[in-house]
Amino acid sequence: MKLRTYVSQQRGRAAWLARAIGVRPVMISQWMGGKPVSVTSALAIEHATDGAVVRWDLRPDDWHLIWPELVGTEGAPTVSQSAPGAVQPQEDGHE
């Protein structure tokens, strides 16, 4: 779920989340507006929301590089061959 969706589902949720992860409420607004979420904050948000907002939604461009153990897990987006750091298939030397 996107952070914006999670926050909009309940009045006061942005302030609650900010307190839960130890940031000022303005940070939640900035993240919803497109400011990149730090690695530590992404993990904190996932834990505080009991997994309703997940790391790969908060860091869609590089989550697979930061948390490679999540690649292929249930619900995780696929990592395209052209994504930065994506593992490319090995050539076997046969022609």
PDB file of N, CA and C in Angstrom:
ATOM      1  N   MET A   1       0.850  -1.174   0.000  1.00  0.00           N
ATOM      2  CA  MET A   1       0.000   0.000   0.000  1.00  0.00           C
ATOM      3  C   MET A   1       0.895   1.236   0.000  1.00  0.00           C
ATOM      4  N   LYS A   2       0.500   2.220  -0.715  1.00  0.00           N
ATOM      5  CA  LYS A   2       1.227   3.475  -0.751  1.00  0.00           C
ATOM      6  C   LYS A   2       1.050   4.218   0.575  1.00  0.00           C
ATOM      7  N   LEU A   3       2.060   4.957   0.963  1.00  0.00           N
ATOM      8  CA  LEU A   3       2.019   5.725   2.208  1.00  0.00           C
ATOM      9  C   LEU A   3       0.849   6.691   2.212  1.00  0.00           C
ATOM     10  N   ARG A   4       0.625   7.356   1.093  1.00  0.00           N
ATOM     11  CA  ARG A   4      -0.485   8.316   1.007  1.00  0.00           C
ATOM     12  C   ARG A   4      -1.827   7.633   1.290  1.00  0.00           C
ATOM     13  N   THR A   5      -2.018   6.451   0.742  1.00  0.00           N
ATOM     14  CA  THR A   5      -3.256   5.708   0.961  1.00  0.00           C
ATOM     15  C   THR A   5      -3.404   5.348   2.429  1.00  0.00           C
ATOM     16  N   TYR A   6      -2.343   4.834   3.024  1.00  0.00           N
ATOM     17  CA  TYR A   6      -2.375   4.434   4.431  1.00  0.00           C
ATOM     18  C   TYR A   6      -2.748   5.619   5.329  1.00  0.00           C
ATOM     19  N   VAL A   7      -2.095   6.732   5.121  1.00  0.00           N
ATOM     20  CA  VAL A   7      -2.322   7.918   5.950  1.00  0.00           C
ATOM     21  C   VAL A   7      -3.735   8.460   5.759  1.00  0.00           C
ATOM     22  N   SER A   8      -4.243   8.422   4.531  1.00  0.00           N
ATOM     23  CA  SER A   8      -5.557   9.008   4.249  1.00  0.00           C
ATOM     24  C   SER A   8      -6.721   8.166   4.775  1.00  0.00           C
ATOM     25  N   GLN A   9      -6.455   6.944   5.195  1.00  0.00           N
ATOM     26  CA  GLN A   9      -7.534   6.064   5.650  1.00  0.00           C
ATOM     27  C   GLN A   9      -8.086   6.416   7.027  1.00  0.00           C
ATOM     28  N   GLN A  10      -7.353   7.217   7.789  1.00  0.00           N
ATOM     29  CA  GLN A  10      -7.812   7.531   9.139  1.00  0.00           C
ATOM     30  C   GLN A  10      -7.299   8.901   9.557  1.00  0.00           C
ATOM     31  N   ARG A  11      -8.182   9.710  10.073  1.00  0.00           N
ATOM     32  CA  ARG A  11      -7.810  11.047  10.550  1.00  0.00           C
ATOM     33  C   ARG A  11      -6.772  10.929  11.659  1.00  0.00           C
ATOM     34  N   GLY A  12      -5.725  11.726  11.565  1.00  0.00           N
ATOM     35  CA  GLY A  12      -4.689  11.745  12.593  1.00  0.00           C
ATOM     36  C   GLY A  12      -3.613  10.688  12.398  1.00  0.00           C
ATOM     37  N   ARG A  13      -3.731   9.897  11.359  1.00  0.00           N
ATOM     38  CA  ARG A  13      -2.791   8.800  11.163  1.00  0.00           C
ATOM     39  C   ARG A  13      -1.371   9.298  10.855  1.00  0.00           C
ATOM     40  N   ALA A  14      -1.246  10.394  10.132  1.00  0.00           N
ATOM     41  CA  ALA A  14       0.081  10.926   9.815  1.00  0.00           C
ATOM     42  C   ALA A  14       0.810  11.321  11.100  1.00  0.00           C
ATOM     43  N   ALA A  15       0.118  11.989  11.993  1.00  0.00           N
ATOM     44  CA  ALA A  15       0.725  12.399  13.267  1.00  0.00           C
ATOM     45  C   ALA A  15       1.084  11.176  14.104  1.00  0.00           C
ATOM     46  N   TRP A  16       0.186  10.196  14.127  1.00  0.00           N
ATOM     47  CA  TRP A  16       0.471   8.969  14.869  1.00  0.00           C
ATOM     48  C   TRP A  16       1.711   8.264  14.323  1.00  0.00           C
ATOM     49  N   LEU A  17       1.792   8.138  12.997  1.00  0.00           N
ATOM     50  CA  LEU A  17       2.922   7.462  12.375  1.00  0.00           C
ATOM     51  C   LEU A  17       4.220   8.216  12.654  1.00  0.00           C
ATOM     52  N   ALA A  18       4.168   9.522  12.569  1.00  0.00           N
ATOM     53  CA  ALA A  18       5.355  10.327  12.851  1.00  0.00           C
ATOM     54  C   ALA A  18       5.857  10.060  14.274  1.00  0.00           C
ATOM     55  N   ARG A  19       4.948  10.048  15.228  1.00  0.00           N
ATOM     56  CA  ARG A  19       5.340   9.752  16.616  1.00  0.00           C
ATOM     57  C   ARG A  19       5.893   8.335  16.740  1.00  0.00           C
ATOM     58  N   ALA A  20       5.249   7.402  16.062  1.00  0.00           N
ATOM     59  CA  ALA A  20       5.644   5.993  16.163  1.00  0.00           C
ATOM     60  C   ALA A  20       7.054   5.745  15.645  1.00  0.00           C
ATOM     61  N   ILE A  21       7.479   6.505  14.633  1.00  0.00           N
ATOM     62  CA  ILE A  21       8.814   6.267  14.073  1.00  0.00           C
ATOM     63  C   ILE A  21       9.818   7.343  14.455  1.00  0.00           C
ATOM     64  N   GLY A  22       9.385   8.310  15.251  1.00  0.00           N
ATOM     65  CA  GLY A  22      10.309   9.308  15.777  1.00  0.00           C
ATOM     66  C   GLY A  22      10.716  10.406  14.811  1.00  0.00           C
ATOM     67  N   VAL A  23       9.780  10.830  13.954  1.00  0.00           N
ATOM     68  CA  VAL A  23      10.059  11.948  13.058  1.00  0.00           C
ATOM     69  C   VAL A  23       8.994  13.021  13.262  1.00  0.00           C
ATOM     70  N   ARG A  24       9.244  14.192  12.713  1.00  0.00           N
ATOM     71  CA  ARG A  24       8.247  15.256  12.784  1.00  0.00           C
ATOM     72  C   ARG A  24       7.164  14.983  11.734  1.00  0.00           C
ATOM     73  N   PRO A  25       5.912  15.359  12.010  1.00  0.00           N
ATOM     74  CA  PRO A  25       4.827  15.112  11.071  1.00  0.00           C
ATOM     75  C   PRO A  25       5.070  15.675   9.671  1.00  0.00           C
ATOM     76  N   VAL A  26       5.825  16.745   9.564  1.00  0.00           N
ATOM     77  CA  VAL A  26       6.102  17.322   8.255  1.00  0.00           C
ATOM     78  C   VAL A  26       6.856  16.328   7.374  1.00  0.00           C
ATOM     79  N   MET A  27       7.654  15.440   7.962  1.00  0.00           N
ATOM     80  CA  MET A  27       8.370  14.437   7.169  1.00  0.00           C
ATOM     81  C   MET A  27       7.399  13.499   6.466  1.00  0.00           C
ATOM     82  N   ILE A  28       6.342  13.124   7.158  1.00  0.00           N
ATOM     83  CA  ILE A  28       5.341  12.240   6.541  1.00  0.00           C
ATOM     84  C   ILE A  28       4.753  12.928   5.313  1.00  0.00           C
ATOM     85  N   SER A  29       4.427  14.201   5.456  1.00  0.00           N
ATOM     86  CA  SER A  29       3.880  14.959   4.327  1.00  0.00           C
ATOM     87  C   SER A  29       4.887  15.051   3.192  1.00  0.00           C
ATOM     88  N   GLN A  30       6.148  15.282   3.516  1.00  0.00           N
ATOM     89  CA  GLN A  30       7.171  15.381   2.480  1.00  0.00           C
ATOM     90  C   GLN A  30       7.345  14.054   1.756  1.00  0.00           C
ATOM     91  N   TRP A  31       7.325  12.958   2.486  1.00  0.00           N
ATOM     92  CA  TRP A  31       7.445  11.643   1.850  1.00  0.00           C
ATOM     93  C   TRP A  31       6.251  11.372   0.942  1.00  0.00           C
ATOM     94  N   MET A  32       5.064  11.757   1.402  1.00  0.00           N
ATOM     95  CA  MET A  32       3.882  11.566   0.559  1.00  0.00           C
ATOM     96  C   MET A  32       3.966  12.420  -0.698  1.00  0.00           C
ATOM     97  N   GLY A  33       4.679  13.530  -0.617  1.00  0.00           N
ATOM     98  CA  GLY A  33       4.842  14.423  -1.748  1.00  0.00           C
ATOM     99  C   GLY A  33       5.968  14.034  -2.687  1.00  0.00           C
ATOM    100  N   GLY A  34       6.682  12.968  -2.364  1.00  0.00           N
ATOM    101  CA  GLY A  34       7.715  12.494  -3.265  1.00  0.00           C
ATOM    102  C   GLY A  34       9.133  12.551  -2.754  1.00  0.00           C
ATOM    103  N   LYS A  35       9.357  13.149  -1.592  1.00  0.00           N
ATOM    104  CA  LYS A  35      10.715  13.165  -1.038  1.00  0.00           C
ATOM    105  C   LYS A  35      11.122  11.722  -0.730  1.00  0.00           C
ATOM    106  N   PRO A  36      12.346  11.333  -1.101  1.00  0.00           N
ATOM    107  CA  PRO A  36      12.775   9.956  -0.850  1.00  0.00           C
ATOM    108  C   PRO A  36      12.767   9.608   0.642  1.00  0.00           C
ATOM    109  N   VAL A  37      12.344   8.406   0.931  1.00  0.00           N
ATOM    110  CA  VAL A  37      12.314   7.897   2.300  1.00  0.00           C
ATOM    111  C   VAL A  37      13.656   7.220   2.570  1.00  0.00           C
ATOM    112  N   SER A  38      14.269   7.550   3.701  1.00  0.00           N
ATOM    113  CA  SER A  38      15.551   6.921   4.036  1.00  0.00           C
ATOM    114  C   SER A  38      15.354   5.426   4.278  1.00  0.00           C
ATOM    115  N   VAL A  39      16.440   4.702   4.195  1.00  0.00           N
ATOM    116  CA  VAL A  39      16.397   3.252   4.407  1.00  0.00           C
ATOM    117  C   VAL A  39      15.874   2.934   5.802  1.00  0.00           C
ATOM    118  N   THR A  40      16.395   3.613   6.808  1.00  0.00           N
ATOM    119  CA  THR A  40      15.967   3.323   8.177  1.00  0.00           C
ATOM    120  C   THR A  40      14.513   3.705   8.403  1.00  0.00           C
ATOM    121  N   SER A  41      14.073   4.806   7.795  1.00  0.00           N
ATOM    122  CA  SER A  41      12.668   5.207   7.947  1.00  0.00           C
ATOM    123  C   SER A  41      11.734   4.254   7.215  1.00  0.00           C
ATOM    124  N   ALA A  42      12.157   3.740   6.064  1.00  0.00           N
ATOM    125  CA  ALA A  42      11.325   2.782   5.329  1.00  0.00           C
ATOM    126  C   ALA A  42      11.084   1.538   6.171  1.00  0.00           C
ATOM    127  N   LEU A  43      12.135   1.055   6.796  1.00  0.00           N
ATOM    128  CA  LEU A  43      12.001  -0.122   7.655  1.00  0.00           C
ATOM    129  C   LEU A  43      11.118   0.188   8.859  1.00  0.00           C
ATOM    130  N   ALA A  44      11.302   1.364   9.458  1.00  0.00           N
ATOM    131  CA  ALA A  44      10.487   1.762  10.613  1.00  0.00           C
ATOM    132  C   ALA A  44       9.014   1.886  10.236  1.00  0.00           C
ATOM    133  N   ILE A  45       8.728   2.440   9.067  1.00  0.00           N
ATOM    134  CA  ILE A  45       7.343   2.584   8.614  1.00  0.00           C
ATOM    135  C   ILE A  45       6.717   1.214   8.407  1.00  0.00           C
ATOM    136  N   GLU A  46       7.449   0.309   7.786  1.00  0.00           N
ATOM    137  CA  GLU A  46       6.913  -1.039   7.572  1.00  0.00           C
ATOM    138  C   GLU A  46       6.564  -1.699   8.904  1.00  0.00           C
ATOM    139  N   HIS A  47       7.441  -1.566   9.877  1.00  0.00           N
ATOM    140  CA  HIS A  47       7.171  -2.166  11.197  1.00  0.00           C
ATOM    141  C   HIS A  47       6.006  -1.469  11.901  1.00  0.00           C
ATOM    142  N   ALA A  48       5.988  -0.141  11.879  1.00  0.00           N
ATOM    143  CA  ALA A  48       4.935   0.609  12.576  1.00  0.00           C
ATOM    144  C   ALA A  48       3.558   0.355  11.977  1.00  0.00           C
ATOM    145  N   THR A  49       3.511   0.097  10.674  1.00  0.00           N
ATOM    146  CA  THR A  49       2.220  -0.138  10.008  1.00  0.00           C
ATOM    147  C   THR A  49       1.882  -1.623   9.941  1.00  0.00           C
ATOM    148  N   ASP A  50       2.640  -2.434  10.640  1.00  0.00           N
ATOM    149  CA  ASP A  50       2.449  -3.893  10.633  1.00  0.00           C
ATOM    150  C   ASP A  50       2.425  -4.450   9.209  1.00  0.00           C
ATOM    151  N   GLY A  51       3.271  -3.881   8.355  1.00  0.00           N
ATOM    152  CA  GLY A  51       3.392  -4.382   6.993  1.00  0.00           C
ATOM    153  C   GLY A  51       2.357  -3.857   6.009  1.00  0.00           C
ATOM    154  N   ALA A  52       1.510  -2.945   6.447  1.00  0.00           N
ATOM    155  CA  ALA A  52       0.525  -2.383   5.519  1.00  0.00           C
ATOM    156  C   ALA A  52       1.227  -1.532   4.454  1.00  0.00           C
ATOM    157  N   VAL A  53       2.278  -0.827   4.860  1.00  0.00           N
ATOM    158  CA  VAL A  53       3.112  -0.072   3.932  1.00  0.00           C
ATOM    159  C   VAL A  53       4.463  -0.787   3.924  1.00  0.00           C
ATOM    160  N   VAL A  54       4.874  -1.274   2.773  1.00  0.00           N
ATOM    161  CA  VAL A  54       6.086  -2.093   2.704  1.00  0.00           C
ATOM    162  C   VAL A  54       7.250  -1.322   2.085  1.00  0.00           C
ATOM    163  N   ARG A  55       8.443  -1.827   2.371  1.00  0.00           N
ATOM    164  CA  ARG A  55       9.671  -1.164   1.933  1.00  0.00           C
ATOM    165  C   ARG A  55       9.734  -0.966   0.429  1.00  0.00           C
ATOM    166  N   TRP A  56       9.291  -1.943  -0.345  1.00  0.00           N
ATOM    167  CA  TRP A  56       9.416  -1.792  -1.798  1.00  0.00           C
ATOM    168  C   TRP A  56       8.487  -0.727  -2.351  1.00  0.00           C
ATOM    169  N   ASP A  57       7.416  -0.406  -1.636  1.00  0.00           N
ATOM    170  CA  ASP A  57       6.562   0.699  -2.068  1.00  0.00           C
ATOM    171  C   ASP A  57       7.177   2.047  -1.695  1.00  0.00           C
ATOM    172  N   LEU A  58       7.944   2.078  -0.619  1.00  0.00           N
ATOM    173  CA  LEU A  58       8.573   3.318  -0.180  1.00  0.00           C
ATOM    174  C   LEU A  58       9.849   3.632  -0.949  1.00  0.00           C
ATOM    175  N   ARG A  59      10.538   2.597  -1.447  1.00  0.00           N
ATOM    176  CA  ARG A  59      11.788   2.761  -2.201  1.00  0.00           C
ATOM    177  C   ARG A  59      11.723   1.904  -3.461  1.00  0.00           C
ATOM    178  N   PRO A  60      10.826   2.245  -4.388  1.00  0.00           N
ATOM    179  CA  PRO A  60      10.582   1.386  -5.549  1.00  0.00           C
ATOM    180  C   PRO A  60      11.773   1.226  -6.491  1.00  0.00           C
ATOM    181  N   ASP A  61      12.683   2.167  -6.489  1.00  0.00           N
ATOM    182  CA  ASP A  61      13.792   2.103  -7.436  1.00  0.00           C
ATOM    183  C   ASP A  61      14.985   1.285  -6.961  1.00  0.00           C
ATOM    184  N   ASP A  62      15.139   1.137  -5.658  1.00  0.00           N
ATOM    185  CA  ASP A  62      16.345   0.458  -5.185  1.00  0.00           C
ATOM    186  C   ASP A  62      16.127  -0.550  -4.054  1.00  0.00           C
ATOM    187  N   TRP A  63      14.892  -0.876  -3.757  1.00  0.00           N
ATOM    188  CA  TRP A  63      14.627  -1.793  -2.645  1.00  0.00           C
ATOM    189  C   TRP A  63      15.349  -3.114  -2.821  1.00  0.00           C
ATOM    190  N   HIS A  64      15.438  -3.595  -4.047  1.00  0.00           N
ATOM    191  CA  HIS A  64      16.060  -4.894  -4.310  1.00  0.00           C
ATOM    192  C   HIS A  64      17.569  -4.871  -4.075  1.00  0.00           C
ATOM    193  N   LEU A  65      18.174  -3.698  -4.113  1.00  0.00           N
ATOM    194  CA  LEU A  65      19.602  -3.571  -3.822  1.00  0.00           C
ATOM    195  C   LEU A  65      19.858  -3.509  -2.316  1.00  0.00           C
ATOM    196  N   ILE A  66      18.954  -2.878  -1.607  1.00  0.00           N
ATOM    197  CA  ILE A  66      19.103  -2.702  -0.162  1.00  0.00           C
ATOM    198  C   ILE A  66      18.718  -3.974   0.589  1.00  0.00           C
ATOM    199  N   TRP A  67      17.624  -4.590   0.149  1.00  0.00           N
ATOM    200  CA  TRP A  67      17.112  -5.787   0.805  1.00  0.00           C
ATOM    201  C   TRP A  67      16.980  -6.921  -0.210  1.00  0.00           C
ATOM    202  N   PRO A  68      18.089  -7.453  -0.713  1.00  0.00           N
ATOM    203  CA  PRO A  68      18.010  -8.495  -1.752  1.00  0.00           C
ATOM    204  C   PRO A  68      17.289  -9.756  -1.285  1.00  0.00           C
ATOM    205  N   GLU A  69      17.239  -9.966   0.016  1.00  0.00           N
ATOM    206  CA  GLU A  69      16.541 -11.143   0.531  1.00  0.00           C
ATOM    207  C   GLU A  69      15.037 -11.086   0.282  1.00  0.00           C
ATOM    208  N   LEU A  70      14.502  -9.908  -0.059  1.00  0.00           N
ATOM    209  CA  LEU A  70      13.070  -9.770  -0.324  1.00  0.00           C
ATOM    210  C   LEU A  70      12.696 -10.089  -1.767  1.00  0.00           C
ATOM    211  N   VAL A  71      13.696 -10.136  -2.659  1.00  0.00           N
ATOM    212  CA  VAL A  71      13.415 -10.432  -4.062  1.00  0.00           C
ATOM    213  C   VAL A  71      12.795 -11.822  -4.154  1.00  0.00           C
ATOM    214  N   GLY A  72      11.652 -11.899  -4.803  1.00  0.00           N
ATOM    215  CA  GLY A  72      10.965 -13.172  -4.976  1.00  0.00           C
ATOM    216  C   GLY A  72      10.028 -13.551  -3.842  1.00  0.00           C
ATOM    217  N   THR A  73       9.956 -12.727  -2.794  1.00  0.00           N
ATOM    218  CA  THR A  73       9.037 -13.048  -1.717  1.00  0.00           C
ATOM    219  C   THR A  73       7.610 -12.691  -2.131  1.00  0.00           C
ATOM    220  N   GLU A  74       6.665 -13.274  -1.446  1.00  0.00           N
ATOM    221  CA  GLU A  74       5.261 -13.038  -1.769  1.00  0.00           C
ATOM    222  C   GLU A  74       4.930 -11.553  -1.699  1.00  0.00           C
ATOM    223  N   GLY A  75       4.329 -11.054  -2.761  1.00  0.00           N
ATOM    224  CA  GLY A  75       3.911  -9.663  -2.822  1.00  0.00           C
ATOM    225  C   GLY A  75       4.964  -8.709  -3.361  1.00  0.00           C
ATOM    226  N   ALA A  76       6.216  -9.144  -3.407  1.00  0.00           N
ATOM    227  CA  ALA A  76       7.277  -8.262  -3.898  1.00  0.00           C
ATOM    228  C   ALA A  76       7.152  -8.068  -5.402  1.00  0.00           C
ATOM    229  N   PRO A  77       7.374  -6.856  -5.870  1.00  0.00           N
ATOM    230  CA  PRO A  77       7.329  -6.635  -7.314  1.00  0.00           C
ATOM    231  C   PRO A  77       8.496  -7.362  -7.982  1.00  0.00           C
ATOM    232  N   THR A  78       8.318  -7.676  -9.237  1.00  0.00           N
ATOM    233  CA  THR A  78       9.413  -8.306  -9.967  1.00  0.00           C
ATOM    234  C   THR A  78      10.460  -7.255 -10.276  1.00  0.00           C
ATOM    235  N   VAL A  79      11.689  -7.698 -10.330  1.00  0.00           N
ATOM    236  CA  VAL A  79      12.796  -6.812 -10.651  1.00  0.00           C
ATOM    237  C   VAL A  79      13.115  -7.024 -12.121  1.00  0.00           C
ATOM    238  N   SER A  80      12.945  -5.975 -12.910  1.00  0.00           N
ATOM    239  CA  SER A  80      13.182  -6.110 -14.343  1.00  0.00           C
ATOM    240  C   SER A  80      14.668  -6.254 -14.623  1.00  0.00           C
ATOM    241  N   GLN A  81      14.984  -6.851 -15.756  1.00  0.00           N
ATOM    242  CA  GLN A  81      16.377  -7.058 -16.150  1.00  0.00           C
ATOM    243  C   GLN A  81      17.122  -5.732 -16.277  1.00  0.00           C
ATOM    244  N   SER A  82      16.398  -4.654 -16.566  1.00  0.00           N
ATOM    245  CA  SER A  82      17.054  -3.371 -16.770  1.00  0.00           C
ATOM    246  C   SER A  82      17.174  -2.558 -15.478  1.00  0.00           C
ATOM    247  N   ALA A  83      16.634  -3.068 -14.369  1.00  0.00           N
ATOM    248  CA  ALA A  83      16.706  -2.335 -13.110  1.00  0.00           C
ATOM    249  C   ALA A  83      18.150  -2.258 -12.631  1.00  0.00           C
ATOM    250  N   PRO A  84      18.529  -1.145 -12.008  1.00  0.00           N
ATOM    251  CA  PRO A  84      19.886  -1.037 -11.491  1.00  0.00           C
ATOM    252  C   PRO A  84      20.175  -2.180 -10.519  1.00  0.00           C
ATOM    253  N   GLY A  85      21.280  -2.861 -10.738  1.00  0.00           N
ATOM    254  CA  GLY A  85      21.682  -3.937  -9.849  1.00  0.00           C
ATOM    255  C   GLY A  85      20.993  -5.254 -10.093  1.00  0.00           C
ATOM    256  N   ALA A  86      20.117  -5.321 -11.094  1.00  0.00           N
ATOM    257  CA  ALA A  86      19.429  -6.576 -11.382  1.00  0.00           C
ATOM    258  C   ALA A  86      20.448  -7.615 -11.831  1.00  0.00           C
ATOM    259  N   VAL A  87      20.244  -8.821 -11.403  1.00  0.00           N
ATOM    260  CA  VAL A  87      21.148  -9.903 -11.779  1.00  0.00           C
ATOM    261  C   VAL A  87      20.850 -10.304 -13.212  1.00  0.00           C
ATOM    262  N   GLN A  88      21.858 -10.270 -14.031  1.00  0.00           N
ATOM    263  CA  GLN A  88      21.710 -10.638 -15.428  1.00  0.00           C
ATOM    264  C   GLN A  88      22.012 -12.125 -15.587  1.00  0.00           C
ATOM    265  N   PRO A  89      21.324 -12.823 -16.479  1.00  0.00           N
ATOM    266  CA  PRO A  89      21.595 -14.249 -16.693  1.00  0.00           C
ATOM    267  C   PRO A  89      23.027 -14.440 -17.192  1.00  0.00           C
ATOM    268  N   GLN A  90      23.665 -15.501 -16.714  1.00  0.00           N
ATOM    269  CA  GLN A  90      25.026 -15.815 -17.116  1.00  0.00           C
ATOM    270  C   GLN A  90      25.029 -16.521 -18.457  1.00  0.00           C
ATOM    271  N   GLU A  91      25.994 -16.189 -19.274  1.00  0.00           N
ATOM    272  CA  GLU A  91      26.147 -16.895 -20.526  1.00  0.00           C
ATOM    273  C   GLU A  91      26.870 -18.199 -20.234  1.00  0.00           C
ATOM    274  N   ASP A  92      26.461 -19.266 -20.905  1.00  0.00           N
ATOM    275  CA  ASP A  92      27.061 -20.563 -20.621  1.00  0.00           C
ATOM    276  C   ASP A  92      28.218 -20.910 -21.542  1.00  0.00           C
ATOM    277  N   GLY A  93      28.557 -20.023 -22.454  1.00  0.00           N
ATOM    278  CA  GLY A  93      29.685 -20.257 -23.343  1.00  0.00           C
ATOM    279  C   GLY A  93      29.346 -21.043 -24.583  1.00  0.00           C
ATOM    280  N   HIS A  94      28.118 -21.519 -24.685  1.00  0.00           N
ATOM    281  CA  HIS A  94      27.692 -22.275 -25.869  1.00  0.00           C
ATOM    282  C   HIS A  94      27.158 -21.326 -26.918  1.00  0.00           C
ATOM    283  N   GLU A  95      27.405 -21.653 -28.176  1.00  0.00           N
ATOM    284  CA  GLU A  95      26.903 -20.802 -29.245  1.00  0.00           C
ATOM    285  C   GLU A  95      25.887 -21.505 -30.068  1.00  0.00           C
TER     286      GLU A  95
END
